[in-house]
Amino acid sequence: MKAPHHLIKLSPTYSYVLFVVIFSTLLNGCGFKLRGDYLLPNELKTLYISSTDKHGELTRLVKQHLRINKVNVVDKFSVNIPEMHILKDSLDRRTLSVFPNGQVAAYELIYTVSYQLKFANEESQTLSFEFNRDYQDNPNIALAKSRELSLMLSEMRREAADKILRSLASIQH
């Protein structure tokens, strides 16, 4: 049977290209944007970062994320350059459940970050946020659970650095 003349048969390559174009147009139209690429205001294209823990992982990650987004992170403070001061990042835990023998079975991990942003001749703005995660403990495999906790904290720090950049991108100055 012959196909009707009003149907057009597309080659597989052409179909694939057409699909990619339509899909990317739809994603772009709904505002989708890959994470890690932030449109920071021009005032924040040069930034001084200070921290209570200069060599801490969060400070290092924030600087790394800023550099990836083409922000000039300067080493010396200047009154004319905006400053971000990371006040603290801390991990607390709250007991969620215990085993019948009284040992803790599950914790809620609470990772808190607080930082200040100061522009020249303006009051500083203090911003803070927290992430919560549940953590199942098992005293029989303490070494593995210790490693899991360490990985979870590293992931929370990466999320925190990402959140800081998202908040910088939304600043209207």
C-alpha atoms as a PDB file:
ATOM      1  CA  MET A   1       0.000   0.000   0.000  1.00  0.00           C
ATOM      2  CA  LYS A   2       1.293   3.409  -0.933  1.00  0.00           C
ATOM      3  CA  ALA A   3       1.488   6.177   1.710  1.00  0.00           C
ATOM      4  CA  PRO A   4      -0.798   9.167   1.140  1.00  0.00           C
ATOM      5  CA  HIS A   5       0.938  11.972  -0.732  1.00  0.00           C
ATOM      6  CA  HIS A   6       0.301  14.504   2.056  1.00  0.00           C
ATOM      7  CA  LEU A   7       2.535  12.625   4.580  1.00  0.00           C
ATOM      8  CA  ILE A   8       6.221  13.403   4.468  1.00  0.00           C
ATOM      9  CA  LYS A   9       8.679  10.695   5.391  1.00  0.00           C
ATOM     10  CA  LEU A  10      11.636  12.068   7.373  1.00  0.00           C
ATOM     11  CA  SER A  11      15.064  10.498   7.537  1.00  0.00           C
ATOM     12  CA  PRO A  12      16.138   9.319  11.031  1.00  0.00           C
ATOM     13  CA  THR A  13      18.862  11.991  11.224  1.00  0.00           C
ATOM     14  CA  TYR A  14      16.462  14.753  10.285  1.00  0.00           C
ATOM     15  CA  SER A  15      13.891  13.443  12.802  1.00  0.00           C
ATOM     16  CA  TYR A  16      16.511  13.440  15.557  1.00  0.00           C
ATOM     17  CA  VAL A  17      17.626  17.004  14.801  1.00  0.00           C
ATOM     18  CA  LEU A  18      14.009  18.172  14.691  1.00  0.00           C
ATOM     19  CA  PHE A  19      13.315  16.492  18.044  1.00  0.00           C
ATOM     20  CA  VAL A  20      16.367  18.138  19.688  1.00  0.00           C
ATOM     21  CA  VAL A  21      15.392  21.580  18.357  1.00  0.00           C
ATOM     22  CA  ILE A  22      11.789  21.279  19.556  1.00  0.00           C
ATOM     23  CA  PHE A  23      12.849  19.864  22.943  1.00  0.00           C
ATOM     24  CA  SER A  24      15.448  22.587  23.600  1.00  0.00           C
ATOM     25  CA  THR A  25      12.977  25.289  22.508  1.00  0.00           C
ATOM     26  CA  LEU A  26      10.395  23.970  24.975  1.00  0.00           C
ATOM     27  CA  LEU A  27      12.953  23.811  27.798  1.00  0.00           C
ATOM     28  CA  ASN A  28      14.192  27.306  27.074  1.00  0.00           C
ATOM     29  CA  GLY A  29      10.649  28.635  26.811  1.00  0.00           C
ATOM     30  CA  CYS A  30       9.696  27.379  30.267  1.00  0.00           C
ATOM     31  CA  GLY A  31      12.736  29.068  31.848  1.00  0.00           C
ATOM     32  CA  PHE A  32      14.852  25.951  32.365  1.00  0.00           C
ATOM     33  CA  LYS A  33      18.506  26.714  32.943  1.00  0.00           C
ATOM     34  CA  LEU A  34      21.352  24.367  33.785  1.00  0.00           C
ATOM     35  CA  ARG A  35      22.651  24.841  37.305  1.00  0.00           C
ATOM     36  CA  GLY A  36      26.123  26.197  37.732  1.00  0.00           C
ATOM     37  CA  ASP A  37      25.687  29.026  35.251  1.00  0.00           C
ATOM     38  CA  TYR A  38      24.363  32.088  37.056  1.00  0.00           C
ATOM     39  CA  LEU A  39      23.775  35.562  35.717  1.00  0.00           C
ATOM     40  CA  LEU A  40      25.339  37.610  38.482  1.00  0.00           C
ATOM     41  CA  PRO A  41      24.805  41.375  38.598  1.00  0.00           C
ATOM     42  CA  ASN A  42      27.648  43.515  37.252  1.00  0.00           C
ATOM     43  CA  GLU A  43      28.298  44.863  40.772  1.00  0.00           C
ATOM     44  CA  LEU A  44      29.318  41.346  41.792  1.00  0.00           C
ATOM     45  CA  LYS A  45      31.710  40.629  38.913  1.00  0.00           C
ATOM     46  CA  THR A  46      34.531  41.454  41.341  1.00  0.00           C
ATOM     47  CA  LEU A  47      34.173  40.250  44.906  1.00  0.00           C
ATOM     48  CA  TYR A  48      36.250  39.925  48.047  1.00  0.00           C
ATOM     49  CA  ILE A  49      35.565  36.771  50.080  1.00  0.00           C
ATOM     50  CA  SER A  50      36.417  36.588  53.752  1.00  0.00           C
ATOM     51  CA  SER A  51      35.578  33.915  56.256  1.00  0.00           C
ATOM     52  CA  THR A  52      35.978  32.931  59.871  1.00  0.00           C
ATOM     53  CA  ASP A  53      37.457  29.700  58.437  1.00  0.00           C
ATOM     54  CA  LYS A  54      39.693  30.894  55.566  1.00  0.00           C
ATOM     55  CA  HIS A  55      40.695  27.381  54.544  1.00  0.00           C
ATOM     56  CA  GLY A  56      37.343  25.708  55.138  1.00  0.00           C
ATOM     57  CA  GLU A  57      35.641  23.573  52.519  1.00  0.00           C
ATOM     58  CA  LEU A  58      32.634  25.906  52.159  1.00  0.00           C
ATOM     59  CA  THR A  59      34.876  28.942  51.576  1.00  0.00           C
ATOM     60  CA  ARG A  60      36.874  27.002  48.984  1.00  0.00           C
ATOM     61  CA  LEU A  61      33.708  25.822  47.223  1.00  0.00           C
ATOM     62  CA  VAL A  62      32.160  29.303  47.124  1.00  0.00           C
ATOM     63  CA  LYS A  63      35.345  30.756  45.611  1.00  0.00           C
ATOM     64  CA  GLN A  64      35.488  27.906  43.104  1.00  0.00           C
ATOM     65  CA  HIS A  65      31.837  28.406  42.072  1.00  0.00           C
ATOM     66  CA  LEU A  66      32.395  32.157  41.709  1.00  0.00           C
ATOM     67  CA  ARG A  67      35.461  31.677  39.507  1.00  0.00           C
ATOM     68  CA  ILE A  68      33.570  29.200  37.322  1.00  0.00           C
ATOM     69  CA  ASN A  69      30.957  31.945  36.847  1.00  0.00           C
ATOM     70  CA  LYS A  70      33.655  34.420  35.765  1.00  0.00           C
ATOM     71  CA  VAL A  71      33.724  36.423  38.989  1.00  0.00           C
ATOM     72  CA  ASN A  72      37.056  38.016  39.839  1.00  0.00           C
ATOM     73  CA  VAL A  73      37.706  36.934  43.446  1.00  0.00           C
ATOM     74  CA  VAL A  74      40.265  39.373  44.843  1.00  0.00           C
ATOM     75  CA  ASP A  75      42.706  38.571  47.650  1.00  0.00           C
ATOM     76  CA  LYS A  76      42.825  42.007  49.269  1.00  0.00           C
ATOM     77  CA  PHE A  77      40.014  44.001  50.797  1.00  0.00           C
ATOM     78  CA  SER A  78      39.081  47.294  49.178  1.00  0.00           C
ATOM     79  CA  VAL A  79      36.304  49.684  50.191  1.00  0.00           C
ATOM     80  CA  ASN A  80      35.075  49.918  46.589  1.00  0.00           C
ATOM     81  CA  ILE A  81      34.698  46.160  46.105  1.00  0.00           C
ATOM     82  CA  PRO A  82      31.707  44.231  47.500  1.00  0.00           C
ATOM     83  CA  GLU A  83      32.592  41.819  50.285  1.00  0.00           C
ATOM     84  CA  MET A  84      31.063  38.504  51.201  1.00  0.00           C
ATOM     85  CA  HIS A  85      31.939  37.329  54.690  1.00  0.00           C
ATOM     86  CA  ILE A  86      31.066  33.734  55.543  1.00  0.00           C
ATOM     87  CA  LEU A  87      30.193  33.944  59.224  1.00  0.00           C
ATOM     88  CA  LYS A  88      29.649  30.276  59.986  1.00  0.00           C
ATOM     89  CA  ASP A  89      28.762  26.887  58.687  1.00  0.00           C
ATOM     90  CA  SER A  90      27.877  24.337  61.311  1.00  0.00           C
ATOM     91  CA  LEU A  91      26.431  20.868  61.579  1.00  0.00           C
ATOM     92  CA  ASP A  92      24.055  19.990  64.382  1.00  0.00           C
ATOM     93  CA  ARG A  93      22.088  16.817  64.883  1.00  0.00           C
ATOM     94  CA  ARG A  94      18.861  15.950  66.563  1.00  0.00           C
ATOM     95  CA  THR A  95      17.870  12.447  67.623  1.00  0.00           C
ATOM     96  CA  LEU A  96      14.936  11.080  65.652  1.00  0.00           C
ATOM     97  CA  SER A  97      14.751   7.504  66.956  1.00  0.00           C
ATOM     98  CA  VAL A  98      16.590   5.019  69.175  1.00  0.00           C
ATOM     99  CA  PHE A  99      17.098   1.252  69.183  1.00  0.00           C
ATOM    100  CA  PRO A 100      15.493  -0.774  72.020  1.00  0.00           C
ATOM    101  CA  ASN A 101      18.918  -0.888  73.733  1.00  0.00           C
ATOM    102  CA  GLY A 102      19.037   2.929  73.882  1.00  0.00           C
ATOM    103  CA  GLN A 103      21.526   3.555  71.053  1.00  0.00           C
ATOM    104  CA  VAL A 104      20.566   6.199  68.507  1.00  0.00           C
ATOM    105  CA  ALA A 105      19.089   4.713  65.320  1.00  0.00           C
ATOM    106  CA  ALA A 106      18.438   7.895  63.310  1.00  0.00           C
ATOM    107  CA  TYR A 107      19.467  11.536  63.424  1.00  0.00           C
ATOM    108  CA  GLU A 108      18.288  14.650  61.683  1.00  0.00           C
ATOM    109  CA  LEU A 109      21.368  16.512  60.453  1.00  0.00           C
ATOM    110  CA  ILE A 110      20.985  20.296  60.411  1.00  0.00           C
ATOM    111  CA  TYR A 111      23.589  22.181  58.365  1.00  0.00           C
ATOM    112  CA  THR A 112      23.403  25.937  58.934  1.00  0.00           C
ATOM    113  CA  VAL A 113      25.167  28.619  56.894  1.00  0.00           C
ATOM    114  CA  SER A 114      25.284  32.304  57.692  1.00  0.00           C
ATOM    115  CA  TYR A 115      27.027  35.004  55.646  1.00  0.00           C
ATOM    116  CA  GLN A 116      27.086  38.764  55.136  1.00  0.00           C
ATOM    117  CA  LEU A 117      27.144  40.750  51.952  1.00  0.00           C
ATOM    118  CA  LYS A 118      28.384  44.331  52.030  1.00  0.00           C
ATOM    119  CA  PHE A 119      28.488  46.865  49.228  1.00  0.00           C
ATOM    120  CA  ALA A 120      30.559  50.074  49.402  1.00  0.00           C
ATOM    121  CA  ASN A 121      29.062  52.714  51.740  1.00  0.00           C
ATOM    122  CA  GLU A 122      26.086  50.519  52.671  1.00  0.00           C
ATOM    123  CA  GLU A 123      25.032  48.460  55.654  1.00  0.00           C
ATOM    124  CA  SER A 124      25.823  44.795  55.402  1.00  0.00           C
ATOM    125  CA  GLN A 125      23.021  42.297  54.807  1.00  0.00           C
ATOM    126  CA  THR A 126      23.134  39.098  56.854  1.00  0.00           C
ATOM    127  CA  LEU A 127      21.691  36.049  55.160  1.00  0.00           C
ATOM    128  CA  SER A 128      21.335  32.523  56.481  1.00  0.00           C
ATOM    129  CA  PHE A 129      19.753  29.205  55.574  1.00  0.00           C
ATOM    130  CA  GLU A 130      19.812  25.586  56.641  1.00  0.00           C
ATOM    131  CA  PHE A 131      19.572  22.150  55.094  1.00  0.00           C
ATOM    132  CA  ASN A 132      18.085  19.142  56.867  1.00  0.00           C
ATOM    133  CA  ARG A 133      18.888  15.497  56.138  1.00  0.00           C
ATOM    134  CA  ASP A 134      17.936  12.279  57.858  1.00  0.00           C
ATOM    135  CA  TYR A 135      20.810   9.975  58.754  1.00  0.00           C
ATOM    136  CA  GLN A 136      20.373   6.321  59.740  1.00  0.00           C
ATOM    137  CA  ASP A 137      23.021   5.188  62.208  1.00  0.00           C
ATOM    138  CA  ASN A 138      24.191   1.616  62.663  1.00  0.00           C
ATOM    139  CA  PRO A 139      26.783   0.956  65.389  1.00  0.00           C
ATOM    140  CA  ASN A 140      27.662  -2.417  63.798  1.00  0.00           C
ATOM    141  CA  ILE A 141      29.183  -0.711  60.742  1.00  0.00           C
ATOM    142  CA  ALA A 142      30.565   2.432  62.370  1.00  0.00           C
ATOM    143  CA  LEU A 143      33.407   2.977  59.876  1.00  0.00           C
ATOM    144  CA  ALA A 144      31.085   2.861  56.850  1.00  0.00           C
ATOM    145  CA  LYS A 145      28.573   5.132  58.572  1.00  0.00           C
ATOM    146  CA  SER A 146      31.324   7.606  59.427  1.00  0.00           C
ATOM    147  CA  ARG A 147      32.311   7.727  55.752  1.00  0.00           C
ATOM    148  CA  GLU A 148      28.651   8.147  54.737  1.00  0.00           C
ATOM    149  CA  LEU A 149      28.297  11.067  57.164  1.00  0.00           C
ATOM    150  CA  SER A 150      31.416  12.691  55.727  1.00  0.00           C
ATOM    151  CA  LEU A 151      30.097  12.342  52.161  1.00  0.00           C
ATOM    152  CA  MET A 152      26.710  13.715  53.199  1.00  0.00           C
ATOM    153  CA  LEU A 153      28.341  16.773  54.789  1.00  0.00           C
ATOM    154  CA  SER A 154      30.419  17.384  51.635  1.00  0.00           C
ATOM    155  CA  GLU A 155      27.243  17.200  49.541  1.00  0.00           C
ATOM    156  CA  MET A 156      25.496  19.673  51.859  1.00  0.00           C
ATOM    157  CA  ARG A 157      28.439  22.068  51.524  1.00  0.00           C
ATOM    158  CA  ARG A 158      28.269  21.868  47.721  1.00  0.00           C
ATOM    159  CA  GLU A 159      24.536  22.584  47.908  1.00  0.00           C
ATOM    160  CA  ALA A 160      25.244  25.524  50.222  1.00  0.00           C
ATOM    161  CA  ALA A 161      27.793  27.011  47.807  1.00  0.00           C
ATOM    162  CA  ASP A 162      25.226  26.618  45.024  1.00  0.00           C
ATOM    163  CA  LYS A 163      22.530  28.280  47.126  1.00  0.00           C
ATOM    164  CA  ILE A 164      24.827  31.207  47.920  1.00  0.00           C
ATOM    165  CA  LEU A 165      25.424  31.781  44.200  1.00  0.00           C
ATOM    166  CA  ARG A 166      21.701  31.551  43.457  1.00  0.00           C
ATOM    167  CA  SER A 167      21.028  34.179  46.112  1.00  0.00           C
ATOM    168  CA  LEU A 168      23.772  36.415  44.672  1.00  0.00           C
ATOM    169  CA  ALA A 169      22.196  36.082  41.231  1.00  0.00           C
ATOM    170  CA  SER A 170      18.856  37.288  42.604  1.00  0.00           C
ATOM    171  CA  ILE A 171      20.229  40.401  44.320  1.00  0.00           C
ATOM    172  CA  GLN A 172      18.813  43.624  42.922  1.00  0.00           C
ATOM    173  CA  HIS A 173      21.279  46.392  43.670  1.00  0.00           C
END
